């Protein structure tokens, strides 16, 4: 299976510039779109998810499954695939992560089977 083909539908969301499947160290296993955006943000992805998880799990909310971050220069939608593996979608400042979510569900399912 071509993992890049699995990620490609995420780029159909308005303003999406890149999508990647990341390993526990934040290295791209597969990616589509702007490789520079993935390279810049991929390594931080696992750090953000781990820090957020440490903050909320003790509060009884359960594990973190998705994170949507807004910055001056863009937006990021990140989702857990399996322990330590993530999907990262990078958007420009006018991006609409909510429109990527329906596709993210099926992408996560396919990728989880790959690392399974």
PDB file of N, CA and C in Angstrom:
ATOM      1  N   UNK A   1       0.831  -1.180   0.000  1.00  0.00           N
ATOM      2  CA  UNK A   1       0.000   0.000   0.000  1.00  0.00           C
ATOM      3  C   UNK A   1       0.880   1.250   0.000  1.00  0.00           C
ATOM      4  N   UNK A   2       0.499   2.232  -0.781  1.00  0.00           N
ATOM      5  CA  UNK A   2       1.218   3.487  -0.841  1.00  0.00           C
ATOM      6  C   UNK A   2       0.657   4.421   0.233  1.00  0.00           C
ATOM      7  N   UNK A   3       1.424   4.672   1.261  1.00  0.00           N
ATOM      8  CA  UNK A   3       0.950   5.488   2.374  1.00  0.00           C
ATOM      9  C   UNK A   3       0.721   6.941   1.967  1.00  0.00           C
ATOM     10  N   UNK A   4       1.484   7.439   1.017  1.00  0.00           N
ATOM     11  CA  UNK A   4       1.266   8.800   0.534  1.00  0.00           C
ATOM     12  C   UNK A   4      -0.121   8.920  -0.090  1.00  0.00           C
ATOM     13  N   UNK A   5      -0.555   7.895  -0.816  1.00  0.00           N
ATOM     14  CA  UNK A   5      -1.908   7.904  -1.387  1.00  0.00           C
ATOM     15  C   UNK A   5      -2.964   7.921  -0.290  1.00  0.00           C
ATOM     16  N   UNK A   6      -2.677   7.278   0.822  1.00  0.00           N
ATOM     17  CA  UNK A   6      -3.600   7.266   1.950  1.00  0.00           C
ATOM     18  C   UNK A   6      -3.734   8.666   2.547  1.00  0.00           C
ATOM     19  N   UNK A   7      -2.624   9.414   2.595  1.00  0.00           N
ATOM     20  CA  UNK A   7      -2.623  10.759   3.174  1.00  0.00           C
ATOM     21  C   UNK A   7      -3.199  11.821   2.236  1.00  0.00           C
ATOM     22  N   UNK A   8      -3.128  11.602   0.941  1.00  0.00           N
ATOM     23  CA  UNK A   8      -3.487  12.613  -0.059  1.00  0.00           C
ATOM     24  C   UNK A   8      -4.870  13.243   0.143  1.00  0.00           C
ATOM     25  N   UNK A   9      -5.902  12.502   0.520  1.00  0.00           N
ATOM     26  CA  UNK A   9      -7.211  13.141   0.691  1.00  0.00           C
ATOM     27  C   UNK A   9      -7.235  14.249   1.747  1.00  0.00           C
ATOM     28  N   UNK A  10      -6.309  14.226   2.683  1.00  0.00           N
ATOM     29  CA  UNK A  10      -6.255  15.273   3.707  1.00  0.00           C
ATOM     30  C   UNK A  10      -5.913  16.628   3.107  1.00  0.00           C
ATOM     31  N   UNK A  11      -5.228  16.635   1.968  1.00  0.00           N
ATOM     32  CA  UNK A  11      -4.864  17.896   1.323  1.00  0.00           C
ATOM     33  C   UNK A  11      -6.044  18.545   0.609  1.00  0.00           C
ATOM     34  N   UNK A  12      -7.167  17.855   0.528  1.00  0.00           N
ATOM     35  CA  UNK A  12      -8.352  18.421  -0.106  1.00  0.00           C
ATOM     36  C   UNK A  12      -9.049  19.453   0.782  1.00  0.00           C
ATOM     37  N   UNK A  13      -8.751  19.466   2.062  1.00  0.00           N
ATOM     38  CA  UNK A  13      -9.347  20.455   2.965  1.00  0.00           C
ATOM     39  C   UNK A  13      -8.811  21.843   2.609  1.00  0.00           C
ATOM     40  N   UNK A  14      -9.650  22.853   2.645  1.00  0.00           N
ATOM     41  CA  UNK A  14      -9.200  24.208   2.309  1.00  0.00           C
ATOM     42  C   UNK A  14      -8.005  24.648   3.146  1.00  0.00           C
ATOM     43  N   UNK A  15      -6.979  25.125   2.468  1.00  0.00           N
ATOM     44  CA  UNK A  15      -5.798  25.642   3.132  1.00  0.00           C
ATOM     45  C   UNK A  15      -4.782  24.614   3.574  1.00  0.00           C
ATOM     46  N   UNK A  16      -5.054  23.312   3.370  1.00  0.00           N
ATOM     47  CA  UNK A  16      -4.086  22.279   3.767  1.00  0.00           C
ATOM     48  C   UNK A  16      -2.874  22.355   2.853  1.00  0.00           C
ATOM     49  N   UNK A  17      -1.693  22.360   3.445  1.00  0.00           N
ATOM     50  CA  UNK A  17      -0.462  22.449   2.651  1.00  0.00           C
ATOM     51  C   UNK A  17       0.392  21.186   2.728  1.00  0.00           C
ATOM     52  N   UNK A  18       0.190  20.383   3.777  1.00  0.00           N
ATOM     53  CA  UNK A  18       0.989  19.167   3.930  1.00  0.00           C
ATOM     54  C   UNK A  18       0.297  18.216   4.900  1.00  0.00           C
ATOM     55  N   UNK A  19       0.590  16.936   4.730  1.00  0.00           N
ATOM     56  CA  UNK A  19       0.120  15.913   5.662  1.00  0.00           C
ATOM     57  C   UNK A  19       1.218  14.872   5.784  1.00  0.00           C
ATOM     58  N   UNK A  20       1.350  14.307   6.975  1.00  0.00           N
ATOM     59  CA  UNK A  20       2.402  13.314   7.188  1.00  0.00           C
ATOM     60  C   UNK A  20       1.967  12.272   8.207  1.00  0.00           C
ATOM     61  N   UNK A  21       2.523  11.094   8.040  1.00  0.00           N
ATOM     62  CA  UNK A  21       2.390  10.004   9.004  1.00  0.00           C
ATOM     63  C   UNK A  21       3.730   9.951   9.711  1.00  0.00           C
ATOM     64  N   UNK A  22       3.733  10.183  11.030  1.00  0.00           N
ATOM     65  CA  UNK A  22       4.972  10.334  11.790  1.00  0.00           C
ATOM     66  C   UNK A  22       5.186   9.185  12.758  1.00  0.00           C
ATOM     67  N   UNK A  23       6.456   8.811  12.917  1.00  0.00           N
ATOM     68  CA  UNK A  23       6.814   7.770  13.885  1.00  0.00           C
ATOM     69  C   UNK A  23       6.993   8.414  15.262  1.00  0.00           C
ATOM     70  N   UNK A  24       7.288   7.627  16.298  1.00  0.00           N
ATOM     71  CA  UNK A  24       7.406   8.187  17.651  1.00  0.00           C
ATOM     72  C   UNK A  24       8.481   9.266  17.817  1.00  0.00           C
ATOM     73  N   UNK A  25       9.459   9.321  16.928  1.00  0.00           N
ATOM     74  CA  UNK A  25      10.491  10.354  17.009  1.00  0.00           C
ATOM     75  C   UNK A  25      10.134  11.585  16.172  1.00  0.00           C
ATOM     76  N   UNK A  26       8.966  11.576  15.543  1.00  0.00           N
ATOM     77  CA  UNK A  26       8.550  12.710  14.728  1.00  0.00           C
ATOM     78  C   UNK A  26       9.088  12.675  13.311  1.00  0.00           C
ATOM     79  N   UNK A  27       9.668  11.564  12.904  1.00  0.00           N
ATOM     80  CA  UNK A  27      10.175  11.416  11.543  1.00  0.00           C
ATOM     81  C   UNK A  27       9.045  10.963  10.631  1.00  0.00           C
ATOM     82  N   UNK A  28       8.995  11.523   9.444  1.00  0.00           N
ATOM     83  CA  UNK A  28       7.933  11.189   8.505  1.00  0.00           C
ATOM     84  C   UNK A  28       8.157   9.800   7.912  1.00  0.00           C
ATOM     85  N   UNK A  29       7.169   8.949   8.073  1.00  0.00           N
ATOM     86  CA  UNK A  29       7.155   7.642   7.425  1.00  0.00           C
ATOM     87  C   UNK A  29       6.656   7.827   5.997  1.00  0.00           C
ATOM     88  N   UNK A  30       5.681   8.725   5.855  1.00  0.00           N
ATOM     89  CA  UNK A  30       5.131   9.092   4.547  1.00  0.00           C
ATOM     90  C   UNK A  30       4.623  10.519   4.660  1.00  0.00           C
ATOM     91  N   UNK A  31       4.645  11.236   3.545  1.00  0.00           N
ATOM     92  CA  UNK A  31       4.161  12.611   3.557  1.00  0.00           C
ATOM     93  C   UNK A  31       3.706  13.030   2.173  1.00  0.00           C
ATOM     94  N   UNK A  32       2.835  14.026   2.147  1.00  0.00           N
ATOM     95  CA  UNK A  32       2.373  14.630   0.903  1.00  0.00           C
ATOM     96  C   UNK A  32       2.356  16.142   1.109  1.00  0.00           C
ATOM     97  N   UNK A  33       2.439  16.869   0.029  1.00  0.00           N
ATOM     98  CA  UNK A  33       2.416  18.325   0.116  1.00  0.00           C
ATOM     99  C   UNK A  33       3.791  18.895   0.382  1.00  0.00           C
ATOM    100  N   UNK A  34       3.822  20.012   1.080  1.00  0.00           N
ATOM    101  CA  UNK A  34       5.044  20.775   1.337  1.00  0.00           C
ATOM    102  C   UNK A  34       5.967  20.047   2.317  1.00  0.00           C
ATOM    103  N   UNK A  35       7.073  19.473   1.821  1.00  0.00           N
ATOM    104  CA  UNK A  35       7.962  18.716   2.716  1.00  0.00           C
ATOM    105  C   UNK A  35       8.622  19.593   3.776  1.00  0.00           C
ATOM    106  N   UNK A  36       8.825  20.864   3.472  1.00  0.00           N
ATOM    107  CA  UNK A  36       9.457  21.768   4.426  1.00  0.00           C
ATOM    108  C   UNK A  36       8.572  21.969   5.662  1.00  0.00           C
ATOM    109  N   UNK A  37       7.263  22.063   5.455  1.00  0.00           N
ATOM    110  CA  UNK A  37       6.339  22.231   6.579  1.00  0.00           C
ATOM    111  C   UNK A  37       6.385  21.012   7.490  1.00  0.00           C
ATOM    112  N   UNK A  38       6.432  19.839   6.907  1.00  0.00           N
ATOM    113  CA  UNK A  38       6.491  18.605   7.697  1.00  0.00           C
ATOM    114  C   UNK A  38       7.819  18.522   8.430  1.00  0.00           C
ATOM    115  N   UNK A  39       8.883  18.848   7.760  1.00  0.00           N
ATOM    116  CA  UNK A  39      10.210  18.779   8.373  1.00  0.00           C
ATOM    117  C   UNK A  39      10.317  19.738   9.560  1.00  0.00           C
ATOM    118  N   UNK A  40       9.760  20.929   9.402  1.00  0.00           N
ATOM    119  CA  UNK A  40       9.811  21.948  10.449  1.00  0.00           C
ATOM    120  C   UNK A  40       8.995  21.555  11.673  1.00  0.00           C
ATOM    121  N   UNK A  41       7.848  20.941  11.454  1.00  0.00           N
ATOM    122  CA  UNK A  41       6.915  20.704  12.548  1.00  0.00           C
ATOM    123  C   UNK A  41       6.847  19.265  13.038  1.00  0.00           C
ATOM    124  N   UNK A  42       7.280  18.326  12.238  1.00  0.00           N
ATOM    125  CA  UNK A  42       7.149  16.914  12.574  1.00  0.00           C
ATOM    126  C   UNK A  42       7.782  16.518  13.885  1.00  0.00           C
ATOM    127  N   UNK A  43       8.982  16.974  14.125  1.00  0.00           N
ATOM    128  CA  UNK A  43       9.693  16.584  15.337  1.00  0.00           C
ATOM    129  C   UNK A  43       9.003  17.114  16.592  1.00  0.00           C
ATOM    130  N   UNK A  44       8.354  18.250  16.474  1.00  0.00           N
ATOM    131  CA  UNK A  44       7.673  18.833  17.627  1.00  0.00           C
ATOM    132  C   UNK A  44       6.344  18.146  17.919  1.00  0.00           C
ATOM    133  N   UNK A  45       5.792  17.486  16.929  1.00  0.00           N
ATOM    134  CA  UNK A  45       4.494  16.857  17.067  1.00  0.00           C
ATOM    135  C   UNK A  45       4.434  15.884  18.233  1.00  0.00           C
ATOM    136  N   UNK A  46       5.380  14.991  18.311  1.00  0.00           N
ATOM    137  CA  UNK A  46       5.342  14.008  19.398  1.00  0.00           C
ATOM    138  C   UNK A  46       5.552  14.684  20.754  1.00  0.00           C
ATOM    139  N   UNK A  47       6.311  15.763  20.792  1.00  0.00           N
ATOM    140  CA  UNK A  47       6.524  16.501  22.036  1.00  0.00           C
ATOM    141  C   UNK A  47       5.212  17.138  22.487  1.00  0.00           C
ATOM    142  N   UNK A  48       4.504  17.810  21.563  1.00  0.00           N
ATOM    143  CA  UNK A  48       3.225  18.443  21.911  1.00  0.00           C
ATOM    144  C   UNK A  48       2.238  17.414  22.427  1.00  0.00           C
ATOM    145  N   UNK A  49       2.091  16.323  21.694  1.00  0.00           N
ATOM    146  CA  UNK A  49       1.106  15.322  22.087  1.00  0.00           C
ATOM    147  C   UNK A  49       1.461  14.722  23.454  1.00  0.00           C
ATOM    148  N   UNK A  50       2.729  14.460  23.699  1.00  0.00           N
ATOM    149  CA  UNK A  50       3.149  13.900  24.989  1.00  0.00           C
ATOM    150  C   UNK A  50       2.893  14.883  26.125  1.00  0.00           C
ATOM    151  N   UNK A  51       3.224  16.156  25.902  1.00  0.00           N
ATOM    152  CA  UNK A  51       3.015  17.168  26.941  1.00  0.00           C
ATOM    153  C   UNK A  51       1.526  17.351  27.236  1.00  0.00           C
ATOM    154  N   UNK A  52       0.723  17.398  26.221  1.00  0.00           N
ATOM    155  CA  UNK A  52      -0.719  17.561  26.422  1.00  0.00           C
ATOM    156  C   UNK A  52      -1.284  16.336  27.130  1.00  0.00           C
ATOM    157  N   UNK A  53      -0.839  15.155  26.717  1.00  0.00           N
ATOM    158  CA  UNK A  53      -1.301  13.908  27.346  1.00  0.00           C
ATOM    159  C   UNK A  53      -0.982  13.922  28.851  1.00  0.00           C
ATOM    160  N   UNK A  54       0.241  14.313  29.197  1.00  0.00           N
ATOM    161  CA  UNK A  54       0.636  14.353  30.610  1.00  0.00           C
ATOM    162  C   UNK A  54      -0.241  15.324  31.402  1.00  0.00           C
ATOM    163  N   UNK A  55      -0.683  16.393  30.756  1.00  0.00           N
ATOM    164  CA  UNK A  55      -1.489  17.396  31.446  1.00  0.00           C
ATOM    165  C   UNK A  55      -2.947  16.967  31.632  1.00  0.00           C
ATOM    166  N   UNK A  56      -3.519  16.253  30.684  1.00  0.00           N
ATOM    167  CA  UNK A  56      -4.954  15.971  30.763  1.00  0.00           C
ATOM    168  C   UNK A  56      -5.324  14.586  31.275  1.00  0.00           C
ATOM    169  N   UNK A  57      -4.510  13.592  31.042  1.00  0.00           N
ATOM    170  CA  UNK A  57      -4.860  12.230  31.468  1.00  0.00           C
ATOM    171  C   UNK A  57      -5.100  12.153  32.979  1.00  0.00           C
ATOM    172  N   UNK A  58      -4.247  12.759  33.826  1.00  0.00           N
ATOM    173  CA  UNK A  58      -4.515  12.695  35.263  1.00  0.00           C
ATOM    174  C   UNK A  58      -5.846  13.353  35.658  1.00  0.00           C
ATOM    175  N   UNK A  59      -6.357  14.246  34.826  1.00  0.00           N
ATOM    176  CA  UNK A  59      -7.618  14.909  35.109  1.00  0.00           C
ATOM    177  C   UNK A  59      -8.833  14.066  34.808  1.00  0.00           C
ATOM    178  N   UNK A  60      -8.609  12.857  34.318  1.00  0.00           N
ATOM    179  CA  UNK A  60      -9.709  11.948  34.078  1.00  0.00           C
ATOM    180  C   UNK A  60     -10.397  12.106  32.731  1.00  0.00           C
ATOM    181  N   UNK A  61      -9.800  12.859  31.820  1.00  0.00           N
ATOM    182  CA  UNK A  61     -10.419  13.061  30.513  1.00  0.00           C
ATOM    183  C   UNK A  61     -10.108  11.952  29.519  1.00  0.00           C
ATOM    184  N   UNK A  62      -9.220  11.053  29.881  1.00  0.00           N
ATOM    185  CA  UNK A  62      -8.824  10.001  28.954  1.00  0.00           C
ATOM    186  C   UNK A  62      -7.668  10.451  28.087  1.00  0.00           C
ATOM    187  N   UNK A  63      -7.315   9.616  27.130  1.00  0.00           N
ATOM    188  CA  UNK A  63      -6.169   9.898  26.269  1.00  0.00           C
ATOM    189  C   UNK A  63      -6.510  10.959  25.222  1.00  0.00           C
ATOM    190  N   UNK A  64      -5.507  11.667  24.767  1.00  0.00           N
ATOM    191  CA  UNK A  64      -5.655  12.681  23.728  1.00  0.00           C
ATOM    192  C   UNK A  64      -5.706  11.975  22.375  1.00  0.00           C
ATOM    193  N   UNK A  65      -6.716  12.265  21.587  1.00  0.00           N
ATOM    194  CA  UNK A  65      -6.815  11.649  20.266  1.00  0.00           C
ATOM    195  C   UNK A  65      -6.545  12.644  19.146  1.00  0.00           C
ATOM    196  N   UNK A  66      -6.926  13.912  19.353  1.00  0.00           N
ATOM    197  CA  UNK A  66      -6.686  14.951  18.348  1.00  0.00           C
ATOM    198  C   UNK A  66      -6.334  16.263  19.025  1.00  0.00           C
ATOM    199  N   UNK A  67      -5.515  17.037  18.324  1.00  0.00           N
ATOM    200  CA  UNK A  67      -5.142  18.369  18.786  1.00  0.00           C
ATOM    201  C   UNK A  67      -5.205  19.299  17.585  1.00  0.00           C
ATOM    202  N   UNK A  68      -5.834  20.437  17.769  1.00  0.00           N
ATOM    203  CA  UNK A  68      -5.936  21.464  16.728  1.00  0.00           C
ATOM    204  C   UNK A  68      -5.287  22.713  17.300  1.00  0.00           C
ATOM    205  N   UNK A  69      -4.163  23.130  16.730  1.00  0.00           N
ATOM    206  CA  UNK A  69      -3.430  24.295  17.224  1.00  0.00           C
ATOM    207  C   UNK A  69      -3.480  25.421  16.204  1.00  0.00           C
ATOM    208  N   UNK A  70      -3.715  26.629  16.692  1.00  0.00           N
ATOM    209  CA  UNK A  70      -3.748  27.815  15.836  1.00  0.00           C
ATOM    210  C   UNK A  70      -2.558  28.704  16.148  1.00  0.00           C
ATOM    211  N   UNK A  71      -1.864  29.129  15.105  1.00  0.00           N
ATOM    212  CA  UNK A  71      -0.720  30.028  15.232  1.00  0.00           C
ATOM    213  C   UNK A  71      -0.945  31.215  14.304  1.00  0.00           C
ATOM    214  N   UNK A  72      -0.156  32.246  14.438  1.00  0.00           N
ATOM    215  CA  UNK A  72      -0.275  33.400  13.549  1.00  0.00           C
ATOM    216  C   UNK A  72      -0.096  33.013  12.087  1.00  0.00           C
ATOM    217  N   UNK A  73       0.821  32.089  11.836  1.00  0.00           N
ATOM    218  CA  UNK A  73       1.156  31.766  10.447  1.00  0.00           C
ATOM    219  C   UNK A  73       0.462  30.517   9.915  1.00  0.00           C
ATOM    220  N   UNK A  74      -0.376  29.874  10.725  1.00  0.00           N
ATOM    221  CA  UNK A  74      -1.044  28.684  10.223  1.00  0.00           C
ATOM    222  C   UNK A  74      -1.701  27.884  11.325  1.00  0.00           C
ATOM    223  N   UNK A  75      -2.188  26.733  10.927  1.00  0.00           N
ATOM    224  CA  UNK A  75      -2.882  25.853  11.859  1.00  0.00           C
ATOM    225  C   UNK A  75      -2.354  24.438  11.691  1.00  0.00           C
ATOM    226  N   UNK A  76      -2.513  23.646  12.743  1.00  0.00           N
ATOM    227  CA  UNK A  76      -2.063  22.257  12.712  1.00  0.00           C
ATOM    228  C   UNK A  76      -3.164  21.383  13.295  1.00  0.00           C
ATOM    229  N   UNK A  77      -3.434  20.301  12.628  1.00  0.00           N
ATOM    230  CA  UNK A  77      -4.331  19.275  13.140  1.00  0.00           C
ATOM    231  C   UNK A  77      -3.483  18.025  13.305  1.00  0.00           C
ATOM    232  N   UNK A  78      -3.458  17.490  14.504  1.00  0.00           N
ATOM    233  CA  UNK A  78      -2.664  16.294  14.779  1.00  0.00           C
ATOM    234  C   UNK A  78      -3.552  15.252  15.431  1.00  0.00           C
ATOM    235  N   UNK A  79      -3.330  14.004  15.073  1.00  0.00           N
ATOM    236  CA  UNK A  79      -4.145  12.925  15.628  1.00  0.00           C
ATOM    237  C   UNK A  79      -3.287  11.696  15.880  1.00  0.00           C
ATOM    238  N   UNK A  80      -3.583  11.015  16.967  1.00  0.00           N
ATOM    239  CA  UNK A  80      -2.907   9.770  17.289  1.00  0.00           C
ATOM    240  C   UNK A  80      -3.412   8.670  16.369  1.00  0.00           C
ATOM    241  N   UNK A  81      -2.484   7.863  15.863  1.00  0.00           N
ATOM    242  CA  UNK A  81      -2.853   6.699  15.052  1.00  0.00           C
ATOM    243  C   UNK A  81      -2.805   5.466  15.942  1.00  0.00           C
ATOM    244  N   UNK A  82      -1.691   5.251  16.550  1.00  0.00           N
ATOM    245  CA  UNK A  82      -1.453   4.221  17.571  1.00  0.00           C
ATOM    246  C   UNK A  82      -0.416   4.816  18.502  1.00  0.00           C
ATOM    247  N   UNK A  83      -0.168   4.174  19.608  1.00  0.00           N
ATOM    248  CA  UNK A  83       0.784   4.696  20.583  1.00  0.00           C
ATOM    249  C   UNK A  83       2.078   5.150  19.905  1.00  0.00           C
ATOM    250  N   UNK A  84       2.336   6.457  19.976  1.00  0.00           N
ATOM    251  CA  UNK A  84       3.562   7.016  19.429  1.00  0.00           C
ATOM    252  C   UNK A  84       3.511   7.393  17.961  1.00  0.00           C
ATOM    253  N   UNK A  85       2.530   6.947  17.218  1.00  0.00           N
ATOM    254  CA  UNK A  85       2.398   7.260  15.793  1.00  0.00           C
ATOM    255  C   UNK A  85       1.297   8.288  15.604  1.00  0.00           C
ATOM    256  N   UNK A  86       1.556   9.262  14.725  1.00  0.00           N
ATOM    257  CA  UNK A  86       0.640  10.380  14.561  1.00  0.00           C
ATOM    258  C   UNK A  86       0.420  10.713  13.091  1.00  0.00           C
ATOM    259  N   UNK A  87      -0.686  11.389  12.847  1.00  0.00           N
ATOM    260  CA  UNK A  87      -0.929  12.047  11.566  1.00  0.00           C
ATOM    261  C   UNK A  87      -0.863  13.534  11.852  1.00  0.00           C
ATOM    262  N   UNK A  88      -0.160  14.260  11.012  1.00  0.00           N
ATOM    263  CA  UNK A  88      -0.031  15.704  11.132  1.00  0.00           C
ATOM    264  C   UNK A  88      -0.541  16.325   9.842  1.00  0.00           C
ATOM    265  N   UNK A  89      -1.450  17.291   9.958  1.00  0.00           N
ATOM    266  CA  UNK A  89      -1.925  18.035   8.798  1.00  0.00           C
ATOM    267  C   UNK A  89      -1.604  19.499   9.056  1.00  0.00           C
ATOM    268  N   UNK A  90      -0.900  20.126   8.123  1.00  0.00           N
ATOM    269  CA  UNK A  90      -0.476  21.513   8.253  1.00  0.00           C
ATOM    270  C   UNK A  90      -1.336  22.369   7.326  1.00  0.00           C
ATOM    271  N   UNK A  91      -1.806  23.498   7.864  1.00  0.00           N
ATOM    272  CA  UNK A  91      -2.660  24.420   7.119  1.00  0.00           C
ATOM    273  C   UNK A  91      -2.050  25.812   7.110  1.00  0.00           C
ATOM    274  N   UNK A  92      -2.377  26.576   6.092  1.00  0.00           N
ATOM    275  CA  UNK A  92      -2.032  27.981   6.076  1.00  0.00           C
ATOM    276  C   UNK A  92      -2.923  28.721   7.063  1.00  0.00           C
ATOM    277  N   UNK A  93      -2.752  30.039   7.198  1.00  0.00           N
ATOM    278  CA  UNK A  93      -3.521  30.800   8.185  1.00  0.00           C
ATOM    279  C   UNK A  93      -5.034  30.777   7.953  1.00  0.00           C
ATOM    280  N   UNK A  94      -5.465  30.574   6.735  1.00  0.00           N
ATOM    281  CA  UNK A  94      -6.896  30.528   6.433  1.00  0.00           C
ATOM    282  C   UNK A  94      -7.407  29.095   6.294  1.00  0.00           C
ATOM    283  N   UNK A  95      -6.617  28.132   6.732  1.00  0.00           N
ATOM    284  CA  UNK A  95      -6.997  26.732   6.625  1.00  0.00           C
ATOM    285  C   UNK A  95      -8.190  26.380   7.503  1.00  0.00           C
ATOM    286  N   UNK A  96      -8.853  25.293   7.128  1.00  0.00           N
ATOM    287  CA  UNK A  96     -10.052  24.855   7.840  1.00  0.00           C
ATOM    288  C   UNK A  96      -9.874  23.388   8.277  1.00  0.00           C
ATOM    289  N   UNK A  97      -9.212  23.165   9.406  1.00  0.00           N
ATOM    290  CA  UNK A  97      -8.984  21.794   9.873  1.00  0.00           C
ATOM    291  C   UNK A  97     -10.262  20.977  10.047  1.00  0.00           C
ATOM    292  N   UNK A  98     -11.352  21.614  10.416  1.00  0.00           N
ATOM    293  CA  UNK A  98     -12.604  20.880  10.625  1.00  0.00           C
ATOM    294  C   UNK A  98     -13.026  20.122   9.369  1.00  0.00           C
ATOM    295  N   UNK A  99     -12.688  20.632   8.201  1.00  0.00           N
ATOM    296  CA  UNK A  99     -13.080  19.966   6.962  1.00  0.00           C
ATOM    297  C   UNK A  99     -12.169  18.787   6.623  1.00  0.00           C
ATOM    298  N   UNK A 100     -11.062  18.657   7.342  1.00  0.00           N
ATOM    299  CA  UNK A 100     -10.190  17.492   7.158  1.00  0.00           C
ATOM    300  C   UNK A 100     -10.596  16.346   8.082  1.00  0.00           C
ATOM    301  N   UNK A 101     -11.324  16.642   9.133  1.00  0.00           N
ATOM    302  CA  UNK A 101     -11.655  15.621  10.137  1.00  0.00           C
ATOM    303  C   UNK A 101     -12.399  14.412   9.586  1.00  0.00           C
ATOM    304  N   UNK A 102     -13.398  14.577   8.730  1.00  0.00           N
ATOM    305  CA  UNK A 102     -14.077  13.374   8.214  1.00  0.00           C
ATOM    306  C   UNK A 102     -13.120  12.421   7.482  1.00  0.00           C
ATOM    307  N   UNK A 103     -12.169  12.965   6.753  1.00  0.00           N
ATOM    308  CA  UNK A 103     -11.195  12.134   6.038  1.00  0.00           C
ATOM    309  C   UNK A 103     -10.142  11.583   6.998  1.00  0.00           C
ATOM    310  N   UNK A 104      -9.870  12.330   8.042  1.00  0.00           N
ATOM    311  CA  UNK A 104      -8.867  11.913   9.017  1.00  0.00           C
ATOM    312  C   UNK A 104      -9.257  10.592   9.678  1.00  0.00           C
ATOM    313  N   UNK A 105     -10.531  10.392   9.915  1.00  0.00           N
ATOM    314  CA  UNK A 105     -11.002   9.159  10.546  1.00  0.00           C
ATOM    315  C   UNK A 105     -10.618   7.934   9.727  1.00  0.00           C
ATOM    316  N   UNK A 106     -10.866   7.973   8.431  1.00  0.00           N
ATOM    317  CA  UNK A 106     -10.531   6.809   7.597  1.00  0.00           C
ATOM    318  C   UNK A 106      -9.022   6.684   7.398  1.00  0.00           C
ATOM    319  N   UNK A 107      -8.320   7.799   7.298  1.00  0.00           N
ATOM    320  CA  UNK A 107      -6.857   7.766   7.159  1.00  0.00           C
ATOM    321  C   UNK A 107      -6.236   7.114   8.391  1.00  0.00           C
ATOM    322  N   UNK A 108      -6.697   7.497   9.561  1.00  0.00           N
ATOM    323  CA  UNK A 108      -6.167   6.919  10.803  1.00  0.00           C
ATOM    324  C   UNK A 108      -6.406   5.418  10.855  1.00  0.00           C
ATOM    325  N   UNK A 109      -7.570   4.983  10.428  1.00  0.00           N
ATOM    326  CA  UNK A 109      -7.901   3.551  10.446  1.00  0.00           C
ATOM    327  C   UNK A 109      -6.937   2.764   9.550  1.00  0.00           C
ATOM    328  N   UNK A 110      -6.695   3.270   8.355  1.00  0.00           N
ATOM    329  CA  UNK A 110      -5.801   2.582   7.409  1.00  0.00           C
ATOM    330  C   UNK A 110      -4.370   2.560   7.959  1.00  0.00           C
ATOM    331  N   UNK A 111      -3.900   3.683   8.472  1.00  0.00           N
ATOM    332  CA  UNK A 111      -2.532   3.754   8.988  1.00  0.00           C
ATOM    333  C   UNK A 111      -2.355   2.878  10.232  1.00  0.00           C
ATOM    334  N   UNK A 112      -3.361   2.821  11.085  1.00  0.00           N
ATOM    335  CA  UNK A 112      -3.281   1.968  12.279  1.00  0.00           C
ATOM    336  C   UNK A 112      -3.107   0.515  11.885  1.00  0.00           C
ATOM    337  N   UNK A 113      -3.766   0.093  10.817  1.00  0.00           N
ATOM    338  CA  UNK A 113      -3.624  -1.279  10.336  1.00  0.00           C
ATOM    339  C   UNK A 113      -2.201  -1.534   9.830  1.00  0.00           C
ATOM    340  N   UNK A 114      -1.571  -0.489   9.293  1.00  0.00           N
ATOM    341  CA  UNK A 114      -0.214  -0.633   8.766  1.00  0.00           C
ATOM    342  C   UNK A 114       0.821  -0.819   9.873  1.00  0.00           C
ATOM    343  N   UNK A 115       0.624  -0.158  11.021  1.00  0.00           N
ATOM    344  CA  UNK A 115       1.599  -0.280  12.114  1.00  0.00           C
ATOM    345  C   UNK A 115       1.172  -1.315  13.143  1.00  0.00           C
ATOM    346  N   UNK A 116      -0.006  -1.890  12.934  1.00  0.00           N
ATOM    347  CA  UNK A 116      -0.662  -2.764  13.757  1.00  0.00           C
ATOM    348  C   UNK A 116      -0.335  -3.829  14.579  1.00  0.00           C
TER     349      UNK A 116
END
